[in-house]
């Protein structure tokens, strides 16, 4: 009977130790995942702030350009990267 109690006690302690180890490992993994998520969110927030700053700077530059009397775009101006209209062939309509 004493041997059975020793085996049962050993099984109990082994189960307890494995459960404790598993909980510690899971807590560690959750902490790593949380840290990675916070780092990713911080990086996204930093990128968003930089983009907002660029937009604000361009907006302010545009406002300053209008105040200083910058030359307006002449009528009929076509940028280099714009497509030229296709010439109409007679009788194609």
N, C-alpha and C. Protein backbone atom coordinates (compact mmCIF):
# COMPACT_ATOMS: atom_id res chain seq x y z
N UNK A 1 0.82 -1.18 0.00
CA UNK A 1 0.00 0.00 0.00
C UNK A 1 0.87 1.26 0.00
N UNK A 2 2.00 1.19 0.71
CA UNK A 2 2.90 2.32 0.79
C UNK A 2 3.47 2.63 -0.60
N UNK A 3 3.77 1.62 -1.39
CA UNK A 3 4.31 1.80 -2.73
C UNK A 3 3.29 2.50 -3.63
N UNK A 4 2.04 2.13 -3.51
CA UNK A 4 0.98 2.74 -4.32
C UNK A 4 0.86 4.22 -3.97
N UNK A 5 0.94 4.55 -2.70
CA UNK A 5 0.86 5.96 -2.28
C UNK A 5 2.06 6.76 -2.80
N UNK A 6 3.24 6.14 -2.79
CA UNK A 6 4.43 6.82 -3.30
C UNK A 6 4.30 7.07 -4.80
N UNK A 7 3.78 6.09 -5.53
CA UNK A 7 3.59 6.26 -6.98
C UNK A 7 2.55 7.35 -7.25
N UNK A 8 1.45 7.31 -6.53
CA UNK A 8 0.41 8.31 -6.71
C UNK A 8 0.94 9.71 -6.38
N UNK A 9 1.71 9.84 -5.32
CA UNK A 9 2.29 11.12 -4.94
C UNK A 9 3.28 11.60 -6.00
N UNK A 10 4.06 10.68 -6.56
CA UNK A 10 5.01 11.03 -7.62
C UNK A 10 4.28 11.50 -8.88
N UNK A 11 3.21 10.82 -9.23
CA UNK A 11 2.42 11.22 -10.40
C UNK A 11 1.81 12.61 -10.15
N UNK A 12 1.30 12.83 -8.97
CA UNK A 12 0.71 14.12 -8.63
C UNK A 12 1.75 15.25 -8.74
N UNK A 13 2.93 15.03 -8.15
CA UNK A 13 3.97 16.05 -8.21
C UNK A 13 4.45 16.27 -9.64
N UNK A 14 4.56 15.20 -10.41
CA UNK A 14 4.97 15.33 -11.82
C UNK A 14 3.95 16.13 -12.61
N UNK A 15 2.66 15.85 -12.40
CA UNK A 15 1.60 16.61 -13.09
C UNK A 15 1.63 18.07 -12.69
N UNK A 16 1.83 18.32 -11.40
CA UNK A 16 1.89 19.68 -10.91
C UNK A 16 3.06 20.44 -11.52
N UNK A 17 4.21 19.78 -11.57
CA UNK A 17 5.40 20.42 -12.15
C UNK A 17 5.22 20.69 -13.64
N UNK A 18 4.63 19.74 -14.37
CA UNK A 18 4.44 19.95 -15.81
C UNK A 18 3.43 21.08 -16.06
N UNK A 19 2.39 21.16 -15.26
CA UNK A 19 1.41 22.24 -15.41
C UNK A 19 2.05 23.59 -15.11
N UNK A 20 2.86 23.66 -14.09
CA UNK A 20 3.56 24.90 -13.76
C UNK A 20 4.50 25.31 -14.89
N UNK A 21 5.24 24.35 -15.43
CA UNK A 21 6.17 24.63 -16.52
C UNK A 21 5.43 25.11 -17.76
N UNK A 22 4.33 24.45 -18.08
CA UNK A 22 3.54 24.84 -19.24
C UNK A 22 2.98 26.25 -19.07
N UNK A 23 2.45 26.57 -17.90
CA UNK A 23 1.92 27.92 -17.64
C UNK A 23 3.01 28.98 -17.74
N UNK A 24 4.19 28.68 -17.24
CA UNK A 24 5.31 29.63 -17.32
C UNK A 24 5.71 29.85 -18.78
N UNK A 25 5.76 28.78 -19.57
CA UNK A 25 6.14 28.88 -20.99
C UNK A 25 5.08 29.69 -21.75
N UNK A 26 3.79 29.42 -21.49
CA UNK A 26 2.71 30.12 -22.17
C UNK A 26 2.73 31.61 -21.82
N UNK A 27 2.97 31.94 -20.57
CA UNK A 27 3.05 33.34 -20.15
C UNK A 27 4.21 34.04 -20.86
N UNK A 28 5.34 33.35 -20.96
CA UNK A 28 6.50 33.91 -21.65
C UNK A 28 6.19 34.15 -23.13
N UNK A 29 5.54 33.20 -23.79
CA UNK A 29 5.19 33.35 -25.20
C UNK A 29 4.19 34.50 -25.40
N UNK A 30 3.24 34.64 -24.50
CA UNK A 30 2.29 35.74 -24.59
C UNK A 30 2.98 37.08 -24.43
N UNK A 31 3.96 37.14 -23.54
CA UNK A 31 4.71 38.38 -23.35
C UNK A 31 5.50 38.73 -24.60
N UNK A 32 6.09 37.73 -25.24
CA UNK A 32 6.85 37.97 -26.47
C UNK A 32 5.91 38.47 -27.57
N UNK A 33 4.74 37.84 -27.70
CA UNK A 33 3.77 38.24 -28.72
C UNK A 33 3.27 39.66 -28.46
N UNK A 34 3.02 39.98 -27.21
CA UNK A 34 2.53 41.31 -26.86
C UNK A 34 3.59 42.37 -27.17
N UNK A 35 4.83 42.07 -26.86
CA UNK A 35 5.92 43.00 -27.14
C UNK A 35 6.07 43.23 -28.64
N UNK A 36 5.98 42.17 -29.43
CA UNK A 36 6.08 42.29 -30.88
C UNK A 36 4.92 43.12 -31.43
N UNK A 37 3.72 42.90 -30.91
CA UNK A 37 2.56 43.66 -31.36
C UNK A 37 2.70 45.14 -31.01
N UNK A 38 3.17 45.43 -29.82
CA UNK A 38 3.36 46.83 -29.42
C UNK A 38 4.43 47.50 -30.29
N UNK A 39 5.47 46.76 -30.62
CA UNK A 39 6.53 47.30 -31.47
C UNK A 39 5.98 47.60 -32.86
N UNK A 40 5.16 46.69 -33.39
CA UNK A 40 4.56 46.88 -34.70
C UNK A 40 3.62 48.08 -34.70
N UNK A 41 2.80 48.21 -33.66
CA UNK A 41 1.89 49.34 -33.56
C UNK A 41 2.65 50.66 -33.44
N UNK A 42 3.74 50.65 -32.69
CA UNK A 42 4.54 51.87 -32.55
C UNK A 42 5.16 52.25 -33.90
N UNK A 43 5.62 51.27 -34.66
CA UNK A 43 6.21 51.53 -35.97
C UNK A 43 5.14 52.08 -36.93
N UNK A 44 3.94 51.51 -36.90
CA UNK A 44 2.86 52.00 -37.75
C UNK A 44 2.47 53.43 -37.36
N UNK A 45 2.43 53.70 -36.07
CA UNK A 45 2.09 55.04 -35.60
C UNK A 45 3.16 56.04 -36.03
N UNK A 46 4.42 55.65 -35.92
CA UNK A 46 5.53 56.52 -36.33
C UNK A 46 5.44 56.81 -37.83
N UNK A 47 5.14 55.78 -38.63
CA UNK A 47 5.02 55.97 -40.07
C UNK A 47 3.84 56.88 -40.40
N UNK A 48 2.75 56.72 -39.68
CA UNK A 48 1.57 57.56 -39.89
C UNK A 48 1.88 59.02 -39.55
N UNK A 49 2.59 59.22 -38.46
CA UNK A 49 2.96 60.59 -38.06
C UNK A 49 3.89 61.22 -39.09
N UNK A 50 4.84 60.45 -39.62
CA UNK A 50 5.74 60.98 -40.63
C UNK A 50 4.97 61.35 -41.90
N UNK A 51 4.02 60.49 -42.28
CA UNK A 51 3.23 60.78 -43.47
C UNK A 51 2.38 62.04 -43.25
N UNK A 52 1.79 62.17 -42.09
CA UNK A 52 0.99 63.35 -41.78
C UNK A 52 1.87 64.61 -41.80
N UNK A 53 3.08 64.50 -41.30
CA UNK A 53 4.00 65.63 -41.32
C UNK A 53 4.37 66.02 -42.74
N UNK A 54 4.59 65.03 -43.61
CA UNK A 54 4.90 65.32 -45.01
C UNK A 54 3.73 66.02 -45.69
N UNK A 55 2.52 65.52 -45.43
CA UNK A 55 1.33 66.13 -46.03
C UNK A 55 1.18 67.56 -45.55
N UNK A 56 1.37 67.78 -44.25
CA UNK A 56 1.27 69.12 -43.70
C UNK A 56 2.31 70.04 -44.31
N UNK A 57 3.55 69.54 -44.46
CA UNK A 57 4.62 70.35 -45.05
C UNK A 57 4.28 70.72 -46.49
N UNK A 58 3.77 69.76 -47.26
CA UNK A 58 3.40 70.06 -48.64
C UNK A 58 2.24 71.05 -48.70
N UNK A 59 1.28 70.89 -47.81
CA UNK A 59 0.15 71.81 -47.76
C UNK A 59 0.63 73.22 -47.43
N UNK A 60 1.50 73.34 -46.44
CA UNK A 60 2.03 74.66 -46.06
C UNK A 60 2.85 75.25 -47.20
N UNK A 61 3.61 74.41 -47.89
CA UNK A 61 4.41 74.88 -49.02
C UNK A 61 3.48 75.42 -50.12
N UNK A 62 2.37 74.72 -50.34
CA UNK A 62 1.41 75.15 -51.35
C UNK A 62 0.78 76.48 -50.94
N UNK A 63 0.43 76.62 -49.67
CA UNK A 63 -0.15 77.88 -49.20
C UNK A 63 0.84 79.03 -49.34
N UNK A 64 2.10 78.79 -49.02
CA UNK A 64 3.11 79.83 -49.13
C UNK A 64 3.34 80.19 -50.59
N UNK A 65 3.25 79.20 -51.47
CA UNK A 65 3.41 79.48 -52.90
C UNK A 65 2.30 80.36 -53.43
N UNK A 66 1.07 80.15 -52.94
CA UNK A 66 -0.06 80.97 -53.38
C UNK A 66 0.07 82.39 -52.86
N UNK A 67 0.60 82.56 -51.65
CA UNK A 67 0.74 83.88 -51.06
C UNK A 67 1.83 84.70 -51.75
N UNK A 68 2.89 84.02 -52.22
CA UNK A 68 4.00 84.76 -52.80
C UNK A 68 3.76 85.08 -54.27
N UNK A 69 2.59 84.77 -54.78
CA UNK A 69 2.27 85.12 -56.16
C UNK A 69 2.99 84.22 -57.14
N UNK A 70 3.03 82.95 -56.87
CA UNK A 70 3.69 82.02 -57.78
C UNK A 70 2.96 82.02 -59.12
N UNK A 71 3.71 81.78 -60.16
CA UNK A 71 3.15 81.79 -61.51
C UNK A 71 2.12 80.68 -61.65
N UNK A 72 1.00 81.03 -62.25
CA UNK A 72 -0.05 80.04 -62.47
C UNK A 72 0.32 79.19 -63.68
N UNK A 73 -0.27 78.03 -63.76
CA UNK A 73 -0.03 77.15 -64.90
C UNK A 73 -0.69 77.77 -66.13
N UNK A 74 0.07 77.91 -67.20
CA UNK A 74 -0.50 78.54 -68.39
C UNK A 74 -1.59 77.65 -69.00
N UNK A 75 -2.57 78.24 -69.64
CA UNK A 75 -3.61 77.43 -70.28
C UNK A 75 -3.03 76.59 -71.40
N UNK A 76 -3.51 75.38 -71.54
CA UNK A 76 -3.02 74.49 -72.59
C UNK A 76 -1.76 73.74 -72.20
N UNK A 77 -1.27 73.91 -70.98
CA UNK A 77 -0.06 73.23 -70.52
C UNK A 77 -0.33 71.73 -70.37
N UNK A 78 0.54 70.90 -70.95
CA UNK A 78 0.42 69.45 -70.83
C UNK A 78 1.72 68.94 -70.20
N UNK A 79 1.64 68.30 -69.05
CA UNK A 79 2.85 67.78 -68.42
C UNK A 79 3.52 66.73 -69.31
N UNK A 80 4.81 66.53 -69.10
CA UNK A 80 5.56 65.58 -69.92
C UNK A 80 5.03 64.16 -69.79
N UNK A 81 4.55 63.80 -68.63
CA UNK A 81 4.12 62.42 -68.42
C UNK A 81 2.66 62.18 -68.78
N UNK A 82 1.95 63.22 -69.25
CA UNK A 82 0.56 63.04 -69.63
C UNK A 82 0.48 62.50 -71.05
N UNK A 83 -0.56 61.76 -71.33
CA UNK A 83 -0.74 61.23 -72.67
C UNK A 83 -1.27 62.33 -73.59
N UNK A 84 -0.74 62.34 -74.76
CA UNK A 84 -1.24 63.26 -75.78
C UNK A 84 -2.54 62.68 -76.34
N UNK A 85 -3.49 63.51 -76.67
CA UNK A 85 -4.73 62.97 -77.25
C UNK A 85 -4.43 62.32 -78.60
N UNK A 86 -5.15 61.25 -78.88
CA UNK A 86 -4.97 60.53 -80.14
C UNK A 86 -5.52 61.39 -81.28
N UNK A 87 -4.78 61.50 -82.36
CA UNK A 87 -5.29 62.31 -83.50
C UNK A 87 -6.49 61.59 -84.11
N UNK A 88 -7.49 62.36 -84.47
CA UNK A 88 -8.69 61.81 -85.08
C UNK A 88 -8.45 61.60 -86.57
N UNK A 89 -8.77 60.44 -87.05
CA UNK A 89 -8.63 60.16 -88.47
C UNK A 89 -9.95 60.54 -89.16
N UNK A 90 -9.88 61.13 -90.30
CA UNK A 90 -11.12 61.54 -90.97
C UNK A 90 -11.94 60.29 -91.35
N UNK A 91 -13.22 60.38 -91.14
CA UNK A 91 -14.13 59.30 -91.50
C UNK A 91 -14.18 58.16 -90.49
N UNK A 92 -13.50 58.29 -89.34
CA UNK A 92 -13.50 57.24 -88.35
C UNK A 92 -14.74 57.30 -87.48
N UNK A 93 -15.50 58.37 -87.58
CA UNK A 93 -16.67 58.50 -86.72
C UNK A 93 -17.78 57.73 -87.24
